[in-house]
Protein backbone atom coordinates (compact mmCIF):
# COMPACT_ATOMS: atom_id res chain seq x y z
CA MET A 1 21.08 -10.14 -27.30
CA THR A 2 17.55 -8.73 -27.29
CA THR A 3 17.42 -5.20 -28.71
CA SER A 4 14.91 -2.48 -27.87
CA SER A 5 13.12 -3.15 -31.17
CA ASP A 6 13.01 -6.90 -30.50
CA PHE A 7 11.59 -6.35 -27.04
CA ARG A 8 8.87 -3.99 -28.22
CA CYS A 9 7.95 -6.32 -31.05
CA ARG A 10 7.65 -9.23 -28.66
CA ALA A 11 5.71 -7.13 -26.15
CA ASN A 12 3.24 -6.04 -28.83
CA GLN A 13 2.75 -9.65 -29.94
CA VAL A 14 2.08 -10.79 -26.39
CA LEU A 15 -0.20 -7.79 -25.77
CA LYS A 16 -2.25 -8.65 -28.84
CA LYS A 17 -2.79 -12.18 -27.55
CA ALA A 18 -3.64 -10.86 -24.10
CA LEU A 19 -6.24 -8.52 -25.61
CA GLU A 20 -7.79 -11.56 -27.27
CA GLY A 21 -8.35 -13.05 -23.84
CA HIS A 22 -5.31 -15.28 -23.33
CA ALA A 23 -4.50 -15.16 -19.61
CA SER A 24 -1.11 -16.85 -20.00
CA GLU A 25 0.02 -14.11 -22.40
CA LEU A 26 -1.11 -11.45 -19.96
CA GLU A 27 0.96 -13.10 -17.24
CA GLU A 28 3.94 -13.15 -19.58
CA LEU A 29 3.44 -9.51 -20.49
CA LEU A 30 3.36 -8.46 -16.85
CA SER A 31 6.45 -10.50 -16.04
CA MET A 32 8.34 -8.72 -18.83
CA TYR A 33 7.96 -5.45 -16.93
CA ARG A 34 8.49 -6.68 -13.37
CA GLY A 35 12.11 -5.49 -13.28
CA TYR A 36 11.26 -2.12 -14.79
CA LEU A 37 8.41 -1.56 -12.32
CA LEU A 38 10.61 -2.53 -9.39
CA ALA A 39 13.29 -0.09 -10.52
CA LEU A 40 10.72 2.71 -10.80
CA ALA A 41 9.12 1.87 -7.45
CA VAL A 42 12.43 1.93 -5.60
CA ALA A 43 13.64 5.06 -7.37
CA ARG A 44 10.40 7.02 -6.85
CA MET A 45 9.44 5.76 -3.41
CA ASP A 46 9.01 8.47 -0.80
CA PRO A 47 11.93 8.14 1.66
CA ARG A 48 9.45 8.11 4.53
CA LEU A 49 7.99 4.87 3.16
CA ARG A 50 11.23 2.90 3.14
CA PRO A 51 11.11 1.75 6.80
CA ARG A 52 7.41 0.87 6.50
CA CYS A 53 6.88 -0.61 3.04
CA ASP A 54 8.78 -2.81 0.59
CA ALA A 55 8.89 -1.78 -3.07
CA SER A 56 8.50 -5.38 -4.22
CA ASP A 57 5.17 -5.63 -2.36
CA ILE A 58 3.88 -2.52 -4.14
CA VAL A 59 4.99 -3.94 -7.49
CA GLN A 60 3.28 -7.24 -6.72
CA ASP A 61 0.03 -5.42 -5.84
CA THR A 62 0.36 -3.40 -9.05
CA MET A 63 0.72 -6.52 -11.19
CA LEU A 64 -2.22 -8.23 -9.48
CA GLU A 65 -4.41 -5.17 -10.04
CA ALA A 66 -3.32 -4.92 -13.66
CA PHE A 67 -4.21 -8.57 -14.19
CA ARG A 68 -7.57 -8.13 -12.46
CA ASP A 69 -8.50 -4.89 -14.24
CA PHE A 70 -7.00 -5.62 -17.66
CA ARG A 71 -10.42 -5.35 -19.29
CA GLN A 72 -10.38 -1.66 -18.43
CA PHE A 73 -7.26 -1.12 -20.56
CA ARG A 74 -8.28 0.62 -23.80
CA GLY A 75 -4.99 0.78 -25.67
CA GLN A 76 -3.51 -1.40 -28.40
CA GLN A 77 0.23 -0.71 -28.22
CA GLU A 78 2.99 -1.67 -25.82
CA SER A 79 3.69 1.99 -25.04
CA GLU A 80 0.05 2.50 -24.04
CA PHE A 81 0.11 -0.58 -21.83
CA LEU A 82 3.29 0.63 -20.16
CA GLY A 83 1.74 4.02 -19.44
CA TRP A 84 -1.38 2.32 -18.05
CA ILE A 85 0.48 0.02 -15.65
CA ARG A 86 2.78 2.86 -14.63
CA GLN A 87 -0.28 4.84 -13.56
CA ILE A 88 -1.39 1.91 -11.40
CA LEU A 89 2.03 1.84 -9.78
CA ALA A 90 1.91 5.61 -9.22
CA HIS A 91 -1.50 5.30 -7.58
CA ASN A 92 -0.29 2.50 -5.30
CA LEU A 93 2.77 4.48 -4.25
CA ALA A 94 0.60 7.51 -3.48
CA CYS A 95 -1.83 5.33 -1.50
CA ALA A 96 1.09 3.90 0.46
CA VAL A 97 2.15 7.43 1.40
CA LYS A 98 -1.38 8.17 2.53
CA GLN A 99 -1.68 4.93 4.49
CA HIS A 100 1.72 4.79 6.13
CA VAL A 101 2.74 8.44 6.41
CA LEU A 102 -0.18 10.86 6.34
CA VAL A 103 -2.48 8.73 8.49
CA GLU A 104 0.27 8.37 11.06
CA LYS A 105 0.77 12.13 11.07
CA ARG A 106 -2.94 12.61 11.63
CA ASP A 107 -2.83 10.55 14.82
CA ILE A 108 -3.90 13.14 17.40
CA ARG A 109 -1.55 11.58 19.92
CA LYS A 110 1.39 12.53 17.73
CA GLU A 111 0.31 15.71 15.95
CA VAL A 112 -2.83 17.80 15.81
CA GLU A 113 -3.42 19.21 12.32
CA THR A 114 -5.89 21.85 11.27
CA PRO A 115 -8.29 21.24 8.37
CA MET A 116 -6.13 23.58 6.27
CA GLN A 117 -3.04 21.46 7.01
CA LEU A 118 -4.88 18.26 6.16
CA ALA A 119 -6.01 19.75 2.83
CA ALA A 120 -2.44 20.79 2.10
CA ASN A 121 -1.24 17.24 2.75
CA GLU A 122 -3.88 15.85 0.38
CA SER A 123 -2.74 18.34 -2.27
CA ARG A 124 0.89 17.25 -1.85
CA LEU A 125 -0.19 13.63 -2.17
CA GLU A 126 -1.96 14.36 -5.46
CA MET A 127 1.08 16.27 -6.72
CA HIS A 128 3.29 13.32 -5.79
CA GLU A 129 1.17 10.93 -7.84
CA ASN A 130 1.00 13.24 -10.85
CA TRP A 131 4.72 13.96 -10.70
CA PHE A 132 5.51 10.25 -10.77
CA VAL A 133 3.38 9.61 -13.85
CA ASP A 134 4.50 12.68 -15.76
CA SER A 135 8.20 12.64 -15.01
CA ALA A 136 8.97 8.91 -14.81
CA ALA A 137 11.84 8.15 -17.12
CA SER A 138 11.12 6.73 -20.53
CA PRO A 139 11.68 2.98 -20.54
CA SER A 140 13.56 3.10 -23.83
CA SER A 141 17.01 3.23 -22.24
CA ILE A 142 16.06 0.41 -19.88
CA VAL A 143 14.28 -1.74 -22.43
CA GLN A 144 17.33 -1.50 -24.66
CA LYS A 145 19.12 -3.81 -22.27
CA GLN A 146 16.06 -5.62 -20.91
CA GLU A 147 17.59 -9.08 -20.62
CA GLN A 148 20.65 -7.82 -18.82
CA LEU A 149 18.57 -5.52 -16.64
CA GLN A 150 16.24 -8.30 -15.53
CA SER A 151 19.19 -10.51 -14.61
CA VAL A 152 20.87 -7.71 -12.67
CA LEU A 153 17.65 -6.71 -10.91
CA ASP A 154 17.03 -10.30 -9.88
CA ARG A 155 20.49 -10.35 -8.31
CA ILE A 156 20.05 -6.91 -6.72
CA SER A 157 16.77 -8.02 -5.15
CA LYS A 158 18.73 -10.61 -3.15
CA LEU A 159 20.93 -7.96 -1.54
CA PRO A 160 20.23 -6.17 1.76
CA SER A 161 17.86 -3.24 1.27
CA HIS A 162 20.51 -0.52 1.85
CA TYR A 163 22.70 -2.05 -0.87
CA ARG A 164 19.73 -2.47 -3.20
CA ASP A 165 18.53 1.11 -2.76
CA VAL A 166 21.92 2.65 -3.51
CA LEU A 167 22.47 0.54 -6.63
CA LEU A 168 19.03 1.25 -8.05
CA LEU A 169 19.15 4.97 -7.35
CA ARG A 170 22.68 5.27 -8.74
CA HIS A 171 22.34 3.09 -11.84
CA ILE A 172 18.62 3.01 -12.69
CA GLU A 173 17.61 6.50 -11.59
CA GLU A 174 21.09 7.72 -12.57
CA LEU A 175 21.40 10.04 -9.59
CA SER A 176 24.73 11.46 -8.49
CA PHE A 177 26.23 10.27 -5.21
CA GLU A 178 25.19 13.56 -3.65
CA GLU A 179 21.62 13.13 -4.85
CA VAL A 180 21.50 9.54 -3.61
CA ALA A 181 22.80 10.72 -0.25
CA GLN A 182 20.09 13.37 -0.05
CA ARG A 183 17.41 10.85 -1.03
CA LEU A 184 18.53 8.38 1.64
CA GLY A 185 19.42 10.87 4.34
CA LYS A 186 23.11 9.91 4.40
CA THR A 187 26.41 11.61 3.61
CA SER A 188 27.86 11.22 0.12
CA GLY A 189 30.89 9.53 1.64
CA ALA A 190 28.71 6.94 3.34
CA VAL A 191 26.82 6.35 0.10
CA ARG A 192 30.07 5.77 -1.79
CA MET A 193 31.15 3.18 0.75
CA ILE A 194 27.77 1.41 0.58
CA TRP A 195 27.97 1.49 -3.22
CA LEU A 196 31.41 -0.14 -3.28
CA ARG A 197 30.33 -2.83 -0.83
CA ALA A 198 27.09 -3.37 -2.76
CA LEU A 199 29.03 -3.90 -6.01
CA GLU A 200 31.32 -6.38 -4.30
CA SER A 201 28.31 -8.25 -2.86
CA LEU A 202 26.57 -8.19 -6.24
CA ARG A 203 29.51 -10.02 -7.84
CA GLU A 204 29.03 -12.83 -5.33
CA VAL A 205 25.28 -13.23 -5.93
CA SER A 206 24.30 -15.90 -8.47
């Protein structure tokens, strides 16, 4: 089984090769964090985005941007790379809020906002992005079981979105059933039922 130390060692080796200009190593490095980024995206996604935007699409955009802009990365260590790509993900989540939520609210046919209200919305958007970067959980607990996590996330990704959201919020974000219910706008009883059904479905997914 791959330990946290093994994973970081491998990640640093691949990062070193990527910094030397090896595109295949950069692709490998990004793929190592796909599951972690998906877990963060789902856990931190604004509830208003869920009907309009898929977390996997945001993760894919994040990875493409990281590949394209890798020359702008100035770090040398795996932890620095992780912080850098997490910032890209945070920015993309904040942009998604702006594109799919705030712009819609600004539609004069739906709601007329004053300049002060618009400025307040922009401020909340900036706070959302900063909060994501600053308070996102350390990957150490996730990396510790990276192989198992990637396998489980691959299986979770095949489930219906309401099953996937509950499992990720409950087991990756480690929220209580009450907190998951609040995040998803459901009762805790409903969340518990979805969770049980999601676990049963997960056992059947190969």
